[in-house]
Amino acid sequence: MPEYPEVERIPSDLEELLDRFFDVSRQDLEQMRNALRAGDFETLVRLGHTARGTGSGYGFKGMGRIGHEIELAAQERDPDALERHMDTLAHYLDTVRVEFDS
């Protein structure tokens, strides 16, 4: 897990949507943790795919990469990898720095 914050450049017209984006992303992360506790790998595949697509769609490439790793680990039913990737996602959401394109 990187100790420095990742910097993402996103379009400035998305700035007003970021609070909701981060709220929903944290809710999805909590759903992932609940799904892992329940052994619900299908939900984890879906939520990983959602994190990948949503993160990439908003310009958060790091989140897209992590979401992809979660999706793959869920397909492989690898709880240890899932836990690591979810921790990485939590760290990312807490530390990412946003710079806006003009």
N, C-alpha and C. Protein backbone atom coordinates (compact mmCIF):
# COMPACT_ATOMS: atom_id res chain seq x y z
N MET A 1 0.85 -1.18 0.00
CA MET A 1 0.00 0.00 0.00
C MET A 1 0.90 1.24 0.00
N PRO A 2 0.71 2.14 -0.96
CA PRO A 2 1.55 3.34 -0.99
C PRO A 2 1.33 4.20 0.24
N GLU A 3 2.41 4.82 0.71
CA GLU A 3 2.30 5.67 1.88
C GLU A 3 2.01 7.11 1.51
N TYR A 4 2.11 7.44 0.26
CA TYR A 4 1.84 8.79 -0.20
C TYR A 4 0.47 8.81 -0.86
N PRO A 5 -0.18 9.94 -0.86
CA PRO A 5 -1.48 9.96 -1.54
C PRO A 5 -1.31 9.93 -3.05
N GLU A 6 -2.16 9.18 -3.68
CA GLU A 6 -2.19 9.17 -5.14
C GLU A 6 -2.88 10.46 -5.59
N VAL A 7 -2.40 11.04 -6.67
CA VAL A 7 -3.00 12.26 -7.22
C VAL A 7 -3.74 11.87 -8.49
N GLU A 8 -5.00 12.24 -8.56
CA GLU A 8 -5.82 11.98 -9.74
C GLU A 8 -6.27 13.31 -10.33
N ARG A 9 -6.19 13.42 -11.64
CA ARG A 9 -6.67 14.60 -12.34
C ARG A 9 -8.02 14.25 -12.96
N ILE A 10 -9.03 15.02 -12.58
CA ILE A 10 -10.36 14.75 -13.11
C ILE A 10 -10.94 16.04 -13.69
N PRO A 11 -11.93 15.92 -14.56
CA PRO A 11 -12.54 17.11 -15.14
C PRO A 11 -13.20 17.98 -14.07
N SER A 12 -13.02 19.28 -14.18
CA SER A 12 -13.55 20.20 -13.16
C SER A 12 -15.08 20.18 -13.10
N ASP A 13 -15.74 19.77 -14.18
CA ASP A 13 -17.20 19.74 -14.14
C ASP A 13 -17.74 18.61 -13.25
N LEU A 14 -16.87 17.73 -12.77
CA LEU A 14 -17.29 16.66 -11.86
C LEU A 14 -17.13 17.06 -10.39
N GLU A 15 -16.55 18.23 -10.13
CA GLU A 15 -16.24 18.63 -8.76
C GLU A 15 -17.45 18.58 -7.84
N GLU A 16 -18.60 19.05 -8.32
CA GLU A 16 -19.78 19.09 -7.45
C GLU A 16 -20.33 17.70 -7.14
N LEU A 17 -19.89 16.68 -7.86
CA LEU A 17 -20.37 15.32 -7.63
C LEU A 17 -19.47 14.51 -6.69
N LEU A 18 -18.33 15.07 -6.32
CA LEU A 18 -17.33 14.27 -5.59
C LEU A 18 -17.77 13.84 -4.20
N ASP A 19 -18.43 14.70 -3.45
CA ASP A 19 -18.86 14.30 -2.10
C ASP A 19 -19.74 13.06 -2.18
N ARG A 20 -20.70 13.07 -3.09
CA ARG A 20 -21.59 11.91 -3.26
C ARG A 20 -20.79 10.70 -3.75
N PHE A 21 -19.88 10.92 -4.69
CA PHE A 21 -19.05 9.84 -5.21
C PHE A 21 -18.30 9.13 -4.08
N PHE A 22 -17.66 9.90 -3.20
CA PHE A 22 -16.91 9.30 -2.10
C PHE A 22 -17.83 8.65 -1.08
N ASP A 23 -18.99 9.25 -0.81
CA ASP A 23 -19.95 8.64 0.11
C ASP A 23 -20.40 7.27 -0.41
N VAL A 24 -20.79 7.22 -1.68
CA VAL A 24 -21.26 5.97 -2.28
C VAL A 24 -20.13 4.95 -2.33
N SER A 25 -18.93 5.40 -2.65
CA SER A 25 -17.79 4.47 -2.72
C SER A 25 -17.50 3.85 -1.35
N ARG A 26 -17.61 4.64 -0.30
CA ARG A 26 -17.40 4.09 1.06
C ARG A 26 -18.53 3.15 1.46
N GLN A 27 -19.76 3.45 1.03
CA GLN A 27 -20.87 2.54 1.29
C GLN A 27 -20.66 1.21 0.56
N ASP A 28 -20.18 1.31 -0.68
CA ASP A 28 -19.90 0.09 -1.45
C ASP A 28 -18.80 -0.73 -0.78
N LEU A 29 -17.79 -0.06 -0.25
CA LEU A 29 -16.72 -0.75 0.46
C LEU A 29 -17.28 -1.49 1.67
N GLU A 30 -18.17 -0.86 2.40
CA GLU A 30 -18.79 -1.53 3.56
C GLU A 30 -19.61 -2.74 3.10
N GLN A 31 -20.31 -2.61 1.97
CA GLN A 31 -21.05 -3.75 1.41
C GLN A 31 -20.10 -4.87 1.02
N MET A 32 -18.93 -4.50 0.50
CA MET A 32 -17.93 -5.52 0.15
C MET A 32 -17.49 -6.29 1.40
N ARG A 33 -17.23 -5.55 2.47
CA ARG A 33 -16.79 -6.20 3.72
C ARG A 33 -17.88 -7.13 4.25
N ASN A 34 -19.13 -6.69 4.17
CA ASN A 34 -20.25 -7.54 4.61
C ASN A 34 -20.37 -8.77 3.72
N ALA A 35 -20.20 -8.59 2.42
CA ALA A 35 -20.29 -9.72 1.49
C ALA A 35 -19.17 -10.72 1.74
N LEU A 36 -17.98 -10.22 2.05
CA LEU A 36 -16.88 -11.14 2.34
C LEU A 36 -17.17 -11.94 3.60
N ARG A 37 -17.68 -11.28 4.63
CA ARG A 37 -18.03 -12.00 5.87
C ARG A 37 -19.07 -13.08 5.60
N ALA A 38 -19.98 -12.81 4.64
CA ALA A 38 -21.04 -13.77 4.32
C ALA A 38 -20.60 -14.79 3.27
N GLY A 39 -19.40 -14.63 2.72
CA GLY A 39 -18.96 -15.54 1.67
C GLY A 39 -19.70 -15.34 0.37
N ASP A 40 -20.21 -14.14 0.14
CA ASP A 40 -21.01 -13.83 -1.05
C ASP A 40 -20.09 -13.28 -2.15
N PHE A 41 -19.44 -14.20 -2.86
CA PHE A 41 -18.47 -13.80 -3.87
C PHE A 41 -19.13 -13.18 -5.10
N GLU A 42 -20.36 -13.56 -5.39
CA GLU A 42 -21.06 -12.96 -6.54
C GLU A 42 -21.26 -11.46 -6.33
N THR A 43 -21.66 -11.08 -5.12
CA THR A 43 -21.81 -9.66 -4.81
C THR A 43 -20.47 -8.95 -4.89
N LEU A 44 -19.41 -9.62 -4.43
CA LEU A 44 -18.08 -9.02 -4.49
C LEU A 44 -17.62 -8.82 -5.93
N VAL A 45 -17.93 -9.76 -6.81
CA VAL A 45 -17.61 -9.58 -8.23
C VAL A 45 -18.32 -8.34 -8.76
N ARG A 46 -19.61 -8.22 -8.45
CA ARG A 46 -20.40 -7.09 -8.94
C ARG A 46 -19.88 -5.77 -8.38
N LEU A 47 -19.61 -5.72 -7.08
CA LEU A 47 -19.14 -4.48 -6.47
C LEU A 47 -17.74 -4.11 -6.94
N GLY A 48 -16.89 -5.10 -7.15
CA GLY A 48 -15.56 -4.83 -7.70
C GLY A 48 -15.67 -4.26 -9.11
N HIS A 49 -16.56 -4.84 -9.90
CA HIS A 49 -16.79 -4.36 -11.26
C HIS A 49 -17.33 -2.92 -11.24
N THR A 50 -18.23 -2.65 -10.31
CA THR A 50 -18.79 -1.31 -10.18
C THR A 50 -17.70 -0.30 -9.80
N ALA A 51 -16.85 -0.66 -8.83
CA ALA A 51 -15.75 0.22 -8.42
C ALA A 51 -14.82 0.48 -9.59
N ARG A 52 -14.55 -0.56 -10.35
CA ARG A 52 -13.68 -0.41 -11.52
C ARG A 52 -14.28 0.58 -12.52
N GLY A 53 -15.54 0.36 -12.87
CA GLY A 53 -16.18 1.21 -13.88
C GLY A 53 -16.43 2.62 -13.41
N THR A 54 -16.94 2.76 -12.19
CA THR A 54 -17.25 4.08 -11.67
C THR A 54 -15.98 4.88 -11.44
N GLY A 55 -14.98 4.24 -10.82
CA GLY A 55 -13.72 4.93 -10.59
C GLY A 55 -13.10 5.41 -11.88
N SER A 56 -13.02 4.52 -12.86
CA SER A 56 -12.43 4.89 -14.15
C SER A 56 -13.26 5.96 -14.85
N GLY A 57 -14.59 5.84 -14.75
CA GLY A 57 -15.47 6.79 -15.40
C GLY A 57 -15.34 8.21 -14.87
N TYR A 58 -15.03 8.33 -13.59
CA TYR A 58 -14.85 9.64 -12.98
C TYR A 58 -13.41 10.14 -13.11
N GLY A 59 -12.52 9.30 -13.61
CA GLY A 59 -11.12 9.68 -13.75
C GLY A 59 -10.23 9.21 -12.61
N PHE A 60 -10.76 8.37 -11.72
CA PHE A 60 -9.99 7.83 -10.61
C PHE A 60 -9.38 6.50 -11.05
N LYS A 61 -8.25 6.59 -11.76
CA LYS A 61 -7.61 5.40 -12.34
C LYS A 61 -7.19 4.40 -11.26
N GLY A 62 -6.70 4.92 -10.14
CA GLY A 62 -6.28 4.03 -9.05
C GLY A 62 -7.44 3.21 -8.53
N MET A 63 -8.59 3.82 -8.39
CA MET A 63 -9.77 3.10 -7.93
C MET A 63 -10.19 2.07 -8.98
N GLY A 64 -10.06 2.42 -10.24
CA GLY A 64 -10.37 1.46 -11.30
C GLY A 64 -9.49 0.22 -11.21
N ARG A 65 -8.19 0.43 -10.97
CA ARG A 65 -7.26 -0.70 -10.84
C ARG A 65 -7.61 -1.56 -9.62
N ILE A 66 -7.90 -0.91 -8.50
CA ILE A 66 -8.22 -1.67 -7.28
C ILE A 66 -9.53 -2.43 -7.47
N GLY A 67 -10.52 -1.78 -8.06
CA GLY A 67 -11.80 -2.45 -8.32
C GLY A 67 -11.61 -3.69 -9.18
N HIS A 68 -10.73 -3.59 -10.17
CA HIS A 68 -10.44 -4.73 -11.04
C HIS A 68 -9.81 -5.87 -10.23
N GLU A 69 -8.89 -5.53 -9.32
CA GLU A 69 -8.26 -6.55 -8.47
C GLU A 69 -9.30 -7.22 -7.56
N ILE A 70 -10.23 -6.43 -7.04
CA ILE A 70 -11.30 -6.99 -6.19
C ILE A 70 -12.16 -7.94 -7.02
N GLU A 71 -12.52 -7.51 -8.22
CA GLU A 71 -13.34 -8.35 -9.10
C GLU A 71 -12.64 -9.69 -9.39
N LEU A 72 -11.35 -9.64 -9.73
CA LEU A 72 -10.61 -10.87 -10.02
C LEU A 72 -10.49 -11.77 -8.79
N ALA A 73 -10.17 -11.18 -7.65
CA ALA A 73 -10.04 -11.97 -6.42
C ALA A 73 -11.37 -12.62 -6.04
N ALA A 74 -12.48 -11.92 -6.28
CA ALA A 74 -13.80 -12.49 -5.99
C ALA A 74 -14.10 -13.64 -6.93
N GLN A 75 -13.73 -13.49 -8.20
CA GLN A 75 -13.93 -14.59 -9.15
C GLN A 75 -13.13 -15.81 -8.75
N GLU A 76 -11.96 -15.59 -8.16
CA GLU A 76 -11.11 -16.69 -7.71
C GLU A 76 -11.48 -17.17 -6.30
N ARG A 77 -12.42 -16.48 -5.67
CA ARG A 77 -12.87 -16.82 -4.31
C ARG A 77 -11.69 -16.85 -3.33
N ASP A 78 -10.91 -15.76 -3.38
CA ASP A 78 -9.69 -15.64 -2.57
C ASP A 78 -9.92 -14.60 -1.47
N PRO A 79 -10.36 -15.04 -0.28
CA PRO A 79 -10.68 -14.08 0.78
C PRO A 79 -9.49 -13.26 1.27
N ASP A 80 -8.29 -13.85 1.27
CA ASP A 80 -7.12 -13.09 1.73
C ASP A 80 -6.80 -11.95 0.77
N ALA A 81 -6.83 -12.24 -0.52
CA ALA A 81 -6.58 -11.19 -1.51
C ALA A 81 -7.68 -10.13 -1.45
N LEU A 82 -8.91 -10.56 -1.27
CA LEU A 82 -10.02 -9.60 -1.17
C LEU A 82 -9.82 -8.65 0.00
N GLU A 83 -9.43 -9.19 1.12
CA GLU A 83 -9.20 -8.36 2.31
C GLU A 83 -8.11 -7.33 2.04
N ARG A 84 -7.01 -7.77 1.42
CA ARG A 84 -5.91 -6.85 1.09
C ARG A 84 -6.38 -5.76 0.14
N HIS A 85 -7.11 -6.14 -0.90
CA HIS A 85 -7.55 -5.16 -1.90
C HIS A 85 -8.58 -4.19 -1.30
N MET A 86 -9.43 -4.68 -0.42
CA MET A 86 -10.39 -3.78 0.23
C MET A 86 -9.66 -2.80 1.16
N ASP A 87 -8.63 -3.26 1.85
CA ASP A 87 -7.83 -2.36 2.67
C ASP A 87 -7.15 -1.30 1.80
N THR A 88 -6.66 -1.73 0.64
CA THR A 88 -6.04 -0.79 -0.29
C THR A 88 -7.06 0.23 -0.77
N LEU A 89 -8.28 -0.22 -1.07
CA LEU A 89 -9.33 0.71 -1.50
C LEU A 89 -9.67 1.69 -0.39
N ALA A 90 -9.77 1.22 0.83
CA ALA A 90 -10.06 2.13 1.96
C ALA A 90 -8.96 3.18 2.09
N HIS A 91 -7.71 2.75 2.00
CA HIS A 91 -6.58 3.68 2.07
C HIS A 91 -6.65 4.69 0.92
N TYR A 92 -6.93 4.21 -0.26
CA TYR A 92 -7.05 5.07 -1.44
C TYR A 92 -8.13 6.13 -1.22
N LEU A 93 -9.30 5.71 -0.80
CA LEU A 93 -10.41 6.65 -0.60
C LEU A 93 -10.08 7.69 0.47
N ASP A 94 -9.30 7.30 1.46
CA ASP A 94 -8.95 8.21 2.55
C ASP A 94 -7.83 9.18 2.18
N THR A 95 -7.00 8.83 1.19
CA THR A 95 -5.81 9.63 0.95
C THR A 95 -5.70 10.24 -0.44
N VAL A 96 -6.52 9.82 -1.39
CA VAL A 96 -6.38 10.32 -2.76
C VAL A 96 -6.50 11.85 -2.78
N ARG A 97 -5.63 12.47 -3.57
CA ARG A 97 -5.69 13.92 -3.79
C ARG A 97 -6.24 14.18 -5.17
N VAL A 98 -7.15 15.12 -5.26
CA VAL A 98 -7.80 15.43 -6.53
C VAL A 98 -7.27 16.76 -7.04
N GLU A 99 -6.89 16.76 -8.31
CA GLU A 99 -6.58 17.99 -9.01
C GLU A 99 -7.55 18.06 -10.18
N PHE A 100 -8.03 19.27 -10.44
CA PHE A 100 -9.06 19.44 -11.49
C PHE A 100 -8.45 19.99 -12.76
N ASP A 101 -8.86 19.39 -13.87
CA ASP A 101 -8.51 19.95 -15.19
C ASP A 101 -9.41 21.14 -15.42
N SER A 102 -8.86 22.14 -16.06
CA SER A 102 -9.69 23.34 -16.31
C SER A 102 -10.46 23.24 -17.61
